[in-house]
């Protein structure tokens, strides 16, 4: 997936503002089940928030693994919450039309 421009990133951040985190990284860290859940949610919602309640010191390493495994793009971070985006390949099902 291509990199986002500043205007696209700003648009997606504004769209994610009201979203609640759908995935929580807790004491078990990043498991195969968590990666599968992230992929499933990204395929249906395109834009999600992930909250770190545990493993905060390993956040960057875990984030890199998530981005590689899910082929998604990081939109931004707010404290221990990250915003991810992965556009649906079918144009008819896309939720967010990037500027």
N, C-alpha and C. Protein backbone atom coordinates (compact mmCIF):
# COMPACT_ATOMS: atom_id res chain seq x y z
N UNK A 1 0.84 -1.18 0.00
CA UNK A 1 0.00 0.00 0.00
C UNK A 1 0.89 1.24 0.00
N UNK A 2 0.45 2.26 -0.67
CA UNK A 2 1.22 3.49 -0.80
C UNK A 2 1.22 4.28 0.51
N UNK A 3 2.15 5.19 0.61
CA UNK A 3 2.20 6.08 1.77
C UNK A 3 1.10 7.12 1.66
N UNK A 4 0.71 7.66 2.79
CA UNK A 4 -0.33 8.67 2.83
C UNK A 4 0.27 10.06 2.71
N UNK A 5 -0.44 10.95 2.02
CA UNK A 5 -0.03 12.35 1.99
C UNK A 5 -0.47 13.00 3.30
N UNK A 6 0.02 14.20 3.56
CA UNK A 6 -0.36 14.91 4.78
C UNK A 6 -1.86 15.18 4.84
N UNK A 7 -2.46 15.53 3.71
CA UNK A 7 -3.90 15.80 3.71
C UNK A 7 -4.71 14.52 3.94
N UNK A 8 -4.26 13.40 3.38
CA UNK A 8 -4.95 12.13 3.60
C UNK A 8 -4.82 11.71 5.06
N UNK A 9 -3.64 11.87 5.63
CA UNK A 9 -3.41 11.51 7.03
C UNK A 9 -4.29 12.38 7.94
N UNK A 10 -4.37 13.66 7.65
CA UNK A 10 -5.19 14.57 8.43
C UNK A 10 -6.67 14.19 8.33
N UNK A 11 -7.12 13.86 7.13
CA UNK A 11 -8.51 13.43 6.93
C UNK A 11 -8.82 12.18 7.74
N UNK A 12 -7.92 11.19 7.68
CA UNK A 12 -8.16 9.94 8.41
C UNK A 12 -8.12 10.14 9.92
N UNK A 13 -7.23 11.02 10.39
CA UNK A 13 -7.20 11.32 11.83
C UNK A 13 -8.52 11.93 12.28
N UNK A 14 -9.07 12.82 11.46
CA UNK A 14 -10.34 13.45 11.82
C UNK A 14 -11.47 12.42 11.82
N UNK A 15 -11.42 11.45 10.92
CA UNK A 15 -12.44 10.41 10.86
C UNK A 15 -12.30 9.44 12.04
N UNK A 16 -11.09 9.25 12.53
CA UNK A 16 -10.84 8.30 13.63
C UNK A 16 -11.08 8.92 15.00
N UNK A 17 -11.26 10.22 15.05
CA UNK A 17 -11.39 10.91 16.33
C UNK A 17 -12.46 10.29 17.24
N UNK A 18 -13.61 9.98 16.68
CA UNK A 18 -14.73 9.47 17.47
C UNK A 18 -14.69 7.95 17.67
N UNK A 19 -13.77 7.26 17.03
CA UNK A 19 -13.71 5.80 17.12
C UNK A 19 -13.15 5.35 18.47
N UNK A 20 -13.69 4.27 18.97
CA UNK A 20 -13.17 3.63 20.18
C UNK A 20 -12.18 2.55 19.75
N UNK A 21 -11.17 2.26 20.58
CA UNK A 21 -10.24 1.17 20.25
C UNK A 21 -10.99 -0.16 20.16
N UNK A 22 -10.74 -0.91 19.09
CA UNK A 22 -11.40 -2.20 18.90
C UNK A 22 -10.50 -3.36 19.27
N UNK A 23 -9.21 -3.11 19.38
CA UNK A 23 -8.24 -4.13 19.77
C UNK A 23 -7.45 -3.58 20.96
N UNK A 24 -7.27 -4.43 21.97
CA UNK A 24 -6.48 -4.07 23.14
C UNK A 24 -5.29 -5.02 23.22
N UNK A 25 -4.08 -4.46 23.28
CA UNK A 25 -2.88 -5.26 23.48
C UNK A 25 -2.64 -5.27 24.99
N UNK A 26 -2.86 -6.43 25.60
CA UNK A 26 -2.76 -6.54 27.05
C UNK A 26 -1.55 -7.32 27.50
N UNK A 27 -1.72 -8.02 28.61
CA UNK A 27 -0.59 -8.72 29.22
C UNK A 27 -0.05 -9.86 28.37
N UNK A 28 -0.86 -10.42 27.48
CA UNK A 28 -0.40 -11.51 26.61
C UNK A 28 0.38 -11.00 25.41
N UNK A 29 0.39 -9.71 25.18
CA UNK A 29 1.12 -9.15 24.06
C UNK A 29 0.44 -9.43 22.73
N UNK A 30 1.23 -9.51 21.69
CA UNK A 30 0.72 -9.73 20.34
C UNK A 30 0.76 -11.21 20.02
N UNK A 31 -0.41 -11.81 19.86
CA UNK A 31 -0.51 -13.23 19.54
C UNK A 31 -1.01 -13.39 18.11
N UNK A 32 -0.97 -14.61 17.60
CA UNK A 32 -1.50 -14.87 16.26
C UNK A 32 -2.99 -14.55 16.21
N UNK A 33 -3.69 -14.81 17.30
CA UNK A 33 -5.12 -14.49 17.36
C UNK A 33 -5.37 -13.00 17.28
N UNK A 34 -4.51 -12.24 17.92
CA UNK A 34 -4.64 -10.78 17.87
C UNK A 34 -4.40 -10.26 16.46
N UNK A 35 -3.37 -10.79 15.80
CA UNK A 35 -3.09 -10.37 14.42
C UNK A 35 -4.26 -10.73 13.51
N UNK A 36 -4.82 -11.91 13.68
CA UNK A 36 -5.97 -12.32 12.87
C UNK A 36 -7.16 -11.40 13.13
N UNK A 37 -7.39 -11.03 14.38
CA UNK A 37 -8.49 -10.13 14.72
C UNK A 37 -8.28 -8.76 14.08
N UNK A 38 -7.04 -8.26 14.11
CA UNK A 38 -6.73 -6.97 13.49
C UNK A 38 -7.00 -7.02 11.99
N UNK A 39 -6.55 -8.09 11.33
CA UNK A 39 -6.79 -8.24 9.89
C UNK A 39 -8.28 -8.27 9.57
N UNK A 40 -9.04 -9.01 10.36
CA UNK A 40 -10.48 -9.14 10.13
C UNK A 40 -11.18 -7.79 10.29
N UNK A 41 -10.84 -7.07 11.34
CA UNK A 41 -11.48 -5.77 11.57
C UNK A 41 -11.08 -4.76 10.50
N UNK A 42 -9.81 -4.76 10.09
CA UNK A 42 -9.36 -3.84 9.04
C UNK A 42 -10.08 -4.12 7.72
N UNK A 43 -10.35 -5.38 7.42
CA UNK A 43 -11.03 -5.73 6.17
C UNK A 43 -12.47 -5.26 6.15
N UNK A 44 -13.07 -5.07 7.32
CA UNK A 44 -14.46 -4.62 7.34
C UNK A 44 -14.61 -3.13 7.64
N UNK A 45 -13.67 -2.55 8.41
CA UNK A 45 -13.81 -1.15 8.84
C UNK A 45 -12.82 -0.19 8.19
N UNK A 46 -11.72 -0.67 7.68
CA UNK A 46 -10.64 0.13 7.07
C UNK A 46 -9.83 0.95 8.07
N UNK A 47 -10.47 1.58 9.03
CA UNK A 47 -9.80 2.50 9.95
C UNK A 47 -10.11 2.05 11.38
N UNK A 48 -9.05 1.74 12.16
CA UNK A 48 -9.27 1.25 13.52
C UNK A 48 -8.26 1.87 14.49
N UNK A 49 -8.60 1.76 15.76
CA UNK A 49 -7.68 2.16 16.83
C UNK A 49 -7.30 0.90 17.62
N UNK A 50 -6.03 0.85 18.01
CA UNK A 50 -5.51 -0.23 18.84
C UNK A 50 -4.91 0.41 20.09
N UNK A 51 -5.32 -0.07 21.25
CA UNK A 51 -4.85 0.48 22.53
C UNK A 51 -3.87 -0.48 23.18
N UNK A 52 -2.77 0.06 23.69
CA UNK A 52 -1.78 -0.72 24.43
C UNK A 52 -2.03 -0.54 25.92
N UNK A 53 -2.42 -1.63 26.59
CA UNK A 53 -2.55 -1.61 28.04
C UNK A 53 -1.38 -2.32 28.68
N UNK A 54 -0.74 -3.18 27.94
CA UNK A 54 0.45 -3.88 28.40
C UNK A 54 1.51 -3.78 27.32
N UNK A 55 2.73 -4.17 27.64
CA UNK A 55 3.83 -4.17 26.67
C UNK A 55 4.06 -2.79 26.04
N UNK A 56 3.83 -1.74 26.82
CA UNK A 56 3.99 -0.38 26.30
C UNK A 56 5.43 -0.09 25.91
N UNK A 57 6.38 -0.72 26.62
CA UNK A 57 7.79 -0.50 26.30
C UNK A 57 8.17 -1.14 24.96
N UNK A 58 7.41 -2.13 24.51
CA UNK A 58 7.67 -2.81 23.23
C UNK A 58 6.74 -2.33 22.12
N UNK A 59 6.10 -1.20 22.34
CA UNK A 59 5.07 -0.72 21.41
C UNK A 59 5.59 -0.59 19.98
N UNK A 60 6.76 -0.01 19.78
CA UNK A 60 7.29 0.20 18.43
C UNK A 60 7.56 -1.12 17.73
N UNK A 61 8.14 -2.08 18.43
CA UNK A 61 8.43 -3.38 17.84
C UNK A 61 7.13 -4.13 17.49
N UNK A 62 6.15 -4.07 18.38
CA UNK A 62 4.86 -4.71 18.13
C UNK A 62 4.16 -4.04 16.97
N UNK A 63 4.21 -2.71 16.91
CA UNK A 63 3.58 -1.96 15.83
C UNK A 63 4.17 -2.35 14.48
N UNK A 64 5.48 -2.45 14.39
CA UNK A 64 6.13 -2.84 13.14
C UNK A 64 5.66 -4.22 12.69
N UNK A 65 5.53 -5.15 13.63
CA UNK A 65 5.07 -6.49 13.28
C UNK A 65 3.62 -6.45 12.78
N UNK A 66 2.78 -5.65 13.44
CA UNK A 66 1.38 -5.51 13.01
C UNK A 66 1.32 -4.95 11.59
N UNK A 67 2.10 -3.90 11.31
CA UNK A 67 2.08 -3.28 9.98
C UNK A 67 2.52 -4.26 8.90
N UNK A 68 3.54 -5.08 9.19
CA UNK A 68 4.02 -6.06 8.21
C UNK A 68 2.99 -7.16 8.01
N UNK A 69 2.47 -7.70 9.08
CA UNK A 69 1.53 -8.83 9.00
C UNK A 69 0.20 -8.44 8.35
N UNK A 70 -0.28 -7.22 8.61
CA UNK A 70 -1.59 -6.82 8.10
C UNK A 70 -1.51 -5.98 6.83
N UNK A 71 -0.32 -5.59 6.42
CA UNK A 71 -0.10 -4.72 5.26
C UNK A 71 -0.97 -3.46 5.38
N UNK A 72 -0.87 -2.83 6.54
CA UNK A 72 -1.64 -1.62 6.80
C UNK A 72 -0.70 -0.44 6.97
N UNK A 73 -1.28 0.74 7.12
CA UNK A 73 -0.51 1.98 7.26
C UNK A 73 -0.87 2.62 8.60
N UNK A 74 0.14 3.13 9.29
CA UNK A 74 -0.13 3.86 10.52
C UNK A 74 -0.53 5.29 10.16
N UNK A 75 -1.65 5.72 10.72
CA UNK A 75 -2.15 7.07 10.49
C UNK A 75 -1.58 8.00 11.54
N UNK A 76 -1.53 7.52 12.79
CA UNK A 76 -1.00 8.34 13.87
C UNK A 76 -1.04 7.62 15.19
N UNK A 77 -0.46 8.24 16.19
CA UNK A 77 -0.50 7.70 17.55
C UNK A 77 -0.96 8.81 18.49
N UNK A 78 -1.69 8.40 19.50
CA UNK A 78 -2.15 9.31 20.54
C UNK A 78 -1.88 8.59 21.87
N UNK A 79 -0.82 8.96 22.54
CA UNK A 79 -0.45 8.28 23.77
C UNK A 79 -0.11 6.82 23.48
N UNK A 80 -0.87 5.92 24.08
CA UNK A 80 -0.64 4.48 23.87
C UNK A 80 -1.70 3.89 22.93
N UNK A 81 -2.29 4.73 22.09
CA UNK A 81 -3.28 4.29 21.11
C UNK A 81 -2.75 4.60 19.72
N UNK A 82 -2.85 3.61 18.83
CA UNK A 82 -2.42 3.81 17.44
C UNK A 82 -3.63 3.72 16.52
N UNK A 83 -3.55 4.45 15.42
CA UNK A 83 -4.60 4.45 14.41
C UNK A 83 -4.02 3.79 13.16
N UNK A 84 -4.71 2.74 12.68
CA UNK A 84 -4.28 2.02 11.49
C UNK A 84 -5.31 2.15 10.38
N UNK A 85 -4.84 2.10 9.14
CA UNK A 85 -5.70 2.19 7.98
C UNK A 85 -5.27 1.16 6.95
N UNK A 86 -6.25 0.48 6.38
CA UNK A 86 -6.02 -0.41 5.25
C UNK A 86 -7.24 -0.33 4.35
N UNK A 87 -7.05 0.25 3.18
CA UNK A 87 -8.18 0.47 2.27
C UNK A 87 -8.64 -0.84 1.65
N UNK A 88 -9.95 -1.01 1.58
CA UNK A 88 -10.55 -2.18 0.94
C UNK A 88 -10.27 -2.10 -0.55
N UNK A 89 -9.86 -3.22 -1.14
CA UNK A 89 -9.48 -3.21 -2.56
C UNK A 89 -10.66 -2.99 -3.50
N UNK A 90 -11.87 -3.38 -3.11
CA UNK A 90 -13.06 -3.20 -3.94
C UNK A 90 -13.57 -1.77 -3.79
N UNK A 91 -13.48 -0.95 -4.85
CA UNK A 91 -13.89 0.46 -4.75
C UNK A 91 -15.35 0.64 -4.31
N UNK A 92 -16.21 -0.31 -4.62
CA UNK A 92 -17.61 -0.20 -4.23
C UNK A 92 -17.85 -0.38 -2.74
N UNK A 93 -16.92 -1.02 -2.05
CA UNK A 93 -17.07 -1.28 -0.62
C UNK A 93 -16.24 -0.35 0.26
N UNK A 94 -15.46 0.54 -0.36
CA UNK A 94 -14.61 1.43 0.41
C UNK A 94 -15.45 2.40 1.25
N UNK A 95 -15.04 2.55 2.49
CA UNK A 95 -15.75 3.41 3.42
C UNK A 95 -15.19 4.84 3.37
N UNK A 96 -13.86 4.93 3.32
CA UNK A 96 -13.19 6.24 3.33
C UNK A 96 -12.58 6.52 1.96
N UNK A 97 -13.05 7.58 1.34
CA UNK A 97 -12.51 7.99 0.04
C UNK A 97 -11.45 9.05 0.30
N UNK A 98 -10.21 8.68 0.08
CA UNK A 98 -9.11 9.59 0.38
C UNK A 98 -9.08 10.78 -0.54
N UNK A 99 -8.82 11.98 0.02
CA UNK A 99 -8.75 13.18 -0.82
C UNK A 99 -7.51 13.18 -1.72
